[in-house]
Amino acid sequence: MAGVSGCPGCTELAAQVAAQEERIRKLEAALEESRRAGKRQAAPFSKGDPKPAPQRPGRKAGAAHGPSTFRPVPAHVDEIHDAPVPCRCPGCGGDVEEVEVATQFQTEIPQVRPLVRRFDVHVGRCRSCGRRVQGRHALQTSDALGAAANQIGPNVLALAAHLNKAGGMPYGKVVAFVVAAFEIKICVGGLARALHRLADRLEPTYQNFLLVLRKSPVVYADETSMGAAKARWLSPTRLRW
């Protein structure tokens, strides 16, 4: 290009070629860095070098960025505990004079003790046909006796079904939660069979829902995201069994 340096068109073309070569060099370097990053374990989570002056994390302060909220005062109080001021200052050891009594609230889950029911099932036999007949209480969830006489209550089954079906928790985690929270021992297989029996009991209701759905004038899909759906189904207003 030295021999045609006086040509304006050739000079402009040479500048364009040099710019394109520089751009190609940068793109090749970026591609090589991307290939190297794909082979590193931390590459999918890496965001590159940190910013020299990063912004402060969290919500910005001030009325312009939304109102500040706090937990409201509870509607009722079940227990009152007194926290007296110490007689001596923990710093210098001097006498302490009480000047006011402040109020603090704490909302806690009470310690849950499993409620164990015993049903005395009366068994009889028909005098006409000889058929075996046994009593059934309204709170019973099964007619099984003998080795299968130890049953799980309806509230436990409702909670387990809600966590498994609406919350998406696997059987193992549901069992671990029930054991940790309520000290009710249950195995994964027993829980699975219990929920299958519950599904059989609810089959008529499910079929009725299908009939109502098919007769509806308008049917649309629920496009709620999984996160929003879990938050809705696990809301305190729905956790009332």
Protein backbone atom coordinates (compact mmCIF):
# COMPACT_ATOMS: atom_id res chain seq x y z
CA MET A 1 0.00 0.00 0.00
CA ALA A 2 3.04 2.22 0.26
CA GLY A 3 3.12 2.74 -3.50
CA VAL A 4 -0.45 4.02 -3.62
CA SER A 5 -0.37 6.07 -0.47
CA GLY A 6 -1.18 9.22 -2.43
CA CYS A 7 -4.57 7.82 -3.58
CA PRO A 8 -7.36 9.07 -1.24
CA GLY A 9 -9.55 6.04 -1.93
CA CYS A 10 -6.72 3.64 -1.20
CA THR A 11 -5.94 5.44 2.06
CA GLU A 12 -9.56 5.21 3.21
CA LEU A 13 -9.70 1.54 2.23
CA ALA A 14 -6.52 0.82 4.17
CA ALA A 15 -8.01 2.51 7.26
CA GLN A 16 -11.16 0.42 6.96
CA VAL A 17 -9.12 -2.78 6.63
CA ALA A 18 -7.07 -1.88 9.70
CA ALA A 19 -10.25 -1.17 11.70
CA GLN A 20 -11.81 -4.47 10.62
CA GLU A 21 -8.63 -6.36 11.53
CA GLU A 22 -8.65 -4.75 15.00
CA ARG A 23 -12.31 -5.65 15.47
CA ILE A 24 -11.64 -9.24 14.37
CA ARG A 25 -8.77 -9.46 16.85
CA LYS A 26 -11.00 -8.29 19.72
CA LEU A 27 -13.79 -10.68 18.77
CA GLU A 28 -11.38 -13.62 18.55
CA ALA A 29 -10.02 -12.74 22.00
CA ALA A 30 -13.55 -12.56 23.42
CA LEU A 31 -14.44 -15.90 21.81
CA GLU A 32 -11.34 -17.54 23.23
CA GLU A 33 -12.14 -16.16 26.69
CA SER A 34 -15.66 -17.54 26.41
CA ARG A 35 -14.33 -20.98 25.45
CA ARG A 36 -11.92 -20.97 28.38
CA ALA A 37 -14.66 -19.84 30.77
CA GLY A 38 -16.90 -22.69 29.66
CA LYS A 39 -14.34 -25.21 30.89
CA ARG A 40 -14.05 -23.66 34.36
CA GLN A 41 -16.36 -24.82 37.14
CA ALA A 42 -17.22 -21.32 38.33
CA ALA A 43 -17.69 -19.91 34.85
CA PRO A 44 -21.53 -20.04 34.73
CA PHE A 45 -21.74 -18.02 37.95
CA SER A 46 -18.92 -15.59 37.23
CA LYS A 47 -19.85 -12.01 36.37
CA GLY A 48 -16.36 -10.89 35.50
CA ASP A 49 -14.21 -8.45 37.39
CA PRO A 50 -15.93 -6.47 40.17
CA LYS A 51 -16.86 -2.86 39.54
CA PRO A 52 -14.44 -0.27 40.94
CA ALA A 53 -17.27 1.67 42.61
CA PRO A 54 -20.25 -0.69 43.10
CA GLN A 55 -23.61 0.59 44.30
CA ARG A 56 -24.73 -0.13 47.81
CA PRO A 57 -26.88 -3.29 47.88
CA GLY A 58 -30.40 -3.36 49.23
CA ARG A 59 -33.34 -1.00 49.18
CA LYS A 60 -32.60 2.69 48.86
CA ALA A 61 -33.57 4.87 51.79
CA GLY A 62 -35.92 7.80 51.67
CA ALA A 63 -39.61 8.46 51.05
CA ALA A 64 -39.02 8.68 47.29
CA HIS A 65 -38.28 4.93 47.14
CA GLY A 66 -41.47 3.70 48.82
CA PRO A 67 -42.89 3.69 52.35
CA SER A 68 -41.09 1.94 55.17
CA THR A 69 -43.10 -0.87 56.74
CA PHE A 70 -42.83 -2.82 59.95
CA ARG A 71 -44.66 -5.63 61.70
CA PRO A 72 -47.91 -4.34 63.22
CA VAL A 73 -48.82 -4.79 66.86
CA PRO A 74 -50.48 -8.21 67.39
CA ALA A 75 -54.24 -8.24 67.84
CA HIS A 76 -54.01 -10.32 71.03
CA VAL A 77 -51.42 -11.30 73.64
CA ASP A 78 -51.33 -14.80 75.17
CA GLU A 79 -48.39 -14.43 77.55
CA ILE A 80 -46.79 -11.50 79.38
CA HIS A 81 -43.20 -11.77 80.61
CA ASP A 82 -41.34 -9.15 82.64
CA ALA A 83 -37.76 -8.18 81.76
CA PRO A 84 -36.58 -6.07 84.74
CA VAL A 85 -33.69 -3.66 84.40
CA PRO A 86 -30.48 -4.86 86.09
CA CYS A 87 -29.57 -3.28 89.42
CA ARG A 88 -26.00 -2.58 88.33
CA CYS A 89 -24.73 -1.00 85.15
CA PRO A 90 -22.93 -3.62 83.06
CA GLY A 91 -20.41 -0.99 81.99
CA CYS A 92 -19.29 0.78 85.16
CA GLY A 93 -21.12 -1.13 87.92
CA GLY A 94 -23.08 1.89 89.14
CA ASP A 95 -26.67 1.92 90.37
CA VAL A 96 -29.36 1.87 87.68
CA GLU A 97 -32.55 3.93 87.96
CA GLU A 98 -35.58 2.76 85.97
CA VAL A 99 -37.02 5.52 83.77
CA GLU A 100 -39.62 3.74 81.60
CA VAL A 101 -41.13 0.40 80.59
CA ALA A 102 -40.95 -0.35 76.85
CA THR A 103 -43.01 -2.98 75.06
CA GLN A 104 -41.82 -5.72 72.74
CA PHE A 105 -43.85 -8.43 71.03
CA GLN A 106 -42.86 -11.90 69.85
CA THR A 107 -44.97 -14.23 67.75
CA GLU A 108 -43.91 -17.84 68.24
CA ILE A 109 -45.09 -21.29 67.19
CA PRO A 110 -46.24 -23.21 70.29
CA GLN A 111 -44.65 -26.53 71.07
CA VAL A 112 -46.75 -29.18 69.37
CA ARG A 113 -47.47 -32.44 71.17
CA PRO A 114 -49.03 -35.12 68.97
CA LEU A 115 -52.63 -35.95 69.83
CA VAL A 116 -53.03 -39.73 69.96
CA ARG A 117 -56.56 -41.13 69.74
CA ARG A 118 -57.61 -44.65 70.58
CA PHE A 119 -60.73 -46.06 68.98
CA ASP A 120 -62.40 -49.03 70.64
CA VAL A 121 -63.91 -50.61 67.56
CA HIS A 122 -66.84 -52.86 68.37
CA VAL A 123 -67.04 -55.92 66.16
CA GLY A 124 -70.17 -57.98 65.68
CA ARG A 125 -71.66 -60.65 63.45
CA CYS A 126 -74.98 -60.66 61.65
CA ARG A 127 -77.35 -63.30 63.04
CA SER A 128 -78.99 -63.75 59.66
CA CYS A 129 -76.11 -64.07 57.19
CA GLY A 130 -73.13 -64.39 59.51
CA ARG A 131 -71.39 -61.36 58.00
CA ARG A 132 -68.75 -59.65 60.14
CA VAL A 133 -69.71 -56.07 60.99
CA GLN A 134 -67.59 -53.47 62.83
CA GLY A 135 -68.25 -49.96 64.07
CA ARG A 136 -66.82 -46.81 62.54
CA HIS A 137 -66.21 -43.47 64.25
CA ALA A 138 -66.42 -40.22 62.29
CA LEU A 139 -62.78 -39.35 63.11
CA GLN A 140 -61.38 -42.64 61.80
CA THR A 141 -59.49 -42.54 58.51
CA SER A 142 -59.38 -46.31 57.96
CA ASP A 143 -61.15 -49.52 58.97
CA ALA A 144 -57.88 -51.45 59.16
CA LEU A 145 -57.17 -53.39 62.35
CA GLY A 146 -54.42 -55.71 63.54
CA ALA A 147 -50.97 -54.90 62.14
CA ALA A 148 -52.34 -51.84 60.29
CA ALA A 149 -54.27 -50.42 63.25
CA ASN A 150 -51.85 -47.50 63.82
CA GLN A 151 -53.08 -44.78 61.46
CA ILE A 152 -52.16 -41.19 60.62
CA GLY A 153 -54.79 -38.54 61.36
CA PRO A 154 -56.63 -36.49 58.73
CA ASN A 155 -54.88 -33.21 59.63
CA VAL A 156 -51.46 -34.81 59.14
CA LEU A 157 -52.55 -36.24 55.80
CA ALA A 158 -53.98 -32.87 54.72
CA LEU A 159 -50.72 -31.11 55.60
CA ALA A 160 -48.61 -33.77 53.86
CA ALA A 161 -50.78 -33.64 50.74
CA HIS A 162 -50.59 -29.85 50.65
CA LEU A 163 -46.81 -29.80 50.99
CA ASN A 164 -46.35 -32.55 48.41
CA LYS A 165 -48.88 -31.52 45.77
CA ALA A 166 -49.20 -27.75 46.17
CA GLY A 167 -45.76 -27.02 47.63
CA GLY A 168 -43.87 -29.45 45.40
CA MET A 169 -41.94 -31.08 48.26
CA PRO A 170 -40.86 -34.71 47.70
CA TYR A 171 -42.03 -37.42 50.06
CA GLY A 172 -38.69 -37.57 51.86
CA LYS A 173 -38.70 -33.88 52.75
CA VAL A 174 -42.35 -34.02 53.83
CA VAL A 175 -41.55 -36.90 56.17
CA ALA A 176 -38.53 -35.03 57.58
CA PHE A 177 -40.67 -31.93 58.20
CA VAL A 178 -43.44 -33.89 59.95
CA VAL A 179 -40.92 -35.65 62.18
CA ALA A 180 -39.04 -32.43 63.04
CA ALA A 181 -42.11 -30.24 63.59
CA PHE A 182 -44.56 -32.66 65.21
CA GLU A 183 -42.47 -35.67 66.29
CA ILE A 184 -44.78 -37.96 64.31
CA LYS A 185 -42.86 -40.87 62.90
CA ILE A 186 -43.88 -41.97 59.42
CA CYS A 187 -41.97 -43.64 56.60
CA VAL A 188 -41.86 -42.52 52.99
CA GLY A 189 -43.66 -45.60 51.74
CA GLY A 190 -46.40 -45.26 54.33
CA LEU A 191 -46.94 -41.63 53.41
CA ALA A 192 -47.08 -42.45 49.70
CA ARG A 193 -49.68 -45.18 50.25
CA ALA A 194 -51.72 -42.90 52.50
CA LEU A 195 -51.79 -40.16 49.86
CA HIS A 196 -52.78 -42.71 47.23
CA ARG A 197 -55.71 -43.76 49.42
CA LEU A 198 -56.58 -40.09 49.87
CA ALA A 199 -56.55 -39.66 46.09
CA ASP A 200 -58.98 -42.57 45.75
CA ARG A 201 -61.31 -40.93 48.27
CA LEU A 202 -61.17 -37.65 46.33
CA GLU A 203 -61.70 -39.24 42.90
CA PRO A 204 -65.46 -38.47 42.82
CA THR A 205 -64.76 -34.82 43.64
CA TYR A 206 -62.14 -34.69 40.88
CA GLN A 207 -64.56 -36.15 38.36
CA ASN A 208 -67.17 -33.59 39.40
CA PHE A 209 -64.61 -30.82 38.76
CA LEU A 210 -64.08 -32.21 35.26
CA LEU A 211 -67.80 -32.13 34.53
CA VAL A 212 -68.06 -28.52 35.71
CA LEU A 213 -65.01 -27.62 33.62
CA ARG A 214 -66.41 -29.19 30.47
CA LYS A 215 -69.70 -27.32 30.89
CA SER A 216 -68.00 -23.96 31.45
CA PRO A 217 -68.61 -21.42 28.67
CA VAL A 218 -65.02 -20.15 28.88
CA VAL A 219 -61.85 -22.08 29.79
CA TYR A 220 -58.41 -20.49 29.98
CA ALA A 221 -54.95 -21.60 31.02
CA ASP A 222 -53.35 -20.51 34.29
CA GLU A 223 -50.05 -18.88 33.28
CA THR A 224 -48.97 -18.12 36.84
CA SER A 225 -45.26 -18.74 37.33
CA MET A 226 -44.16 -21.58 39.62
CA GLY A 227 -42.77 -19.19 42.23
CA ALA A 228 -45.94 -17.12 42.38
CA ALA A 229 -48.10 -20.25 42.44
CA LYS A 230 -46.19 -21.68 45.42
CA ALA A 231 -46.40 -18.39 47.27
CA ARG A 232 -50.15 -18.29 46.66
CA TRP A 233 -50.79 -21.88 47.68
CA LEU A 234 -48.58 -21.63 50.76
CA SER A 235 -50.13 -18.38 51.96
CA PRO A 236 -51.38 -18.33 55.58
CA THR A 237 -54.99 -17.93 54.42
CA ARG A 238 -54.83 -21.29 52.64
CA LEU A 239 -52.97 -23.15 55.38
CA ARG A 240 -56.15 -23.74 57.38
CA TRP A 241 -57.08 -27.35 57.38
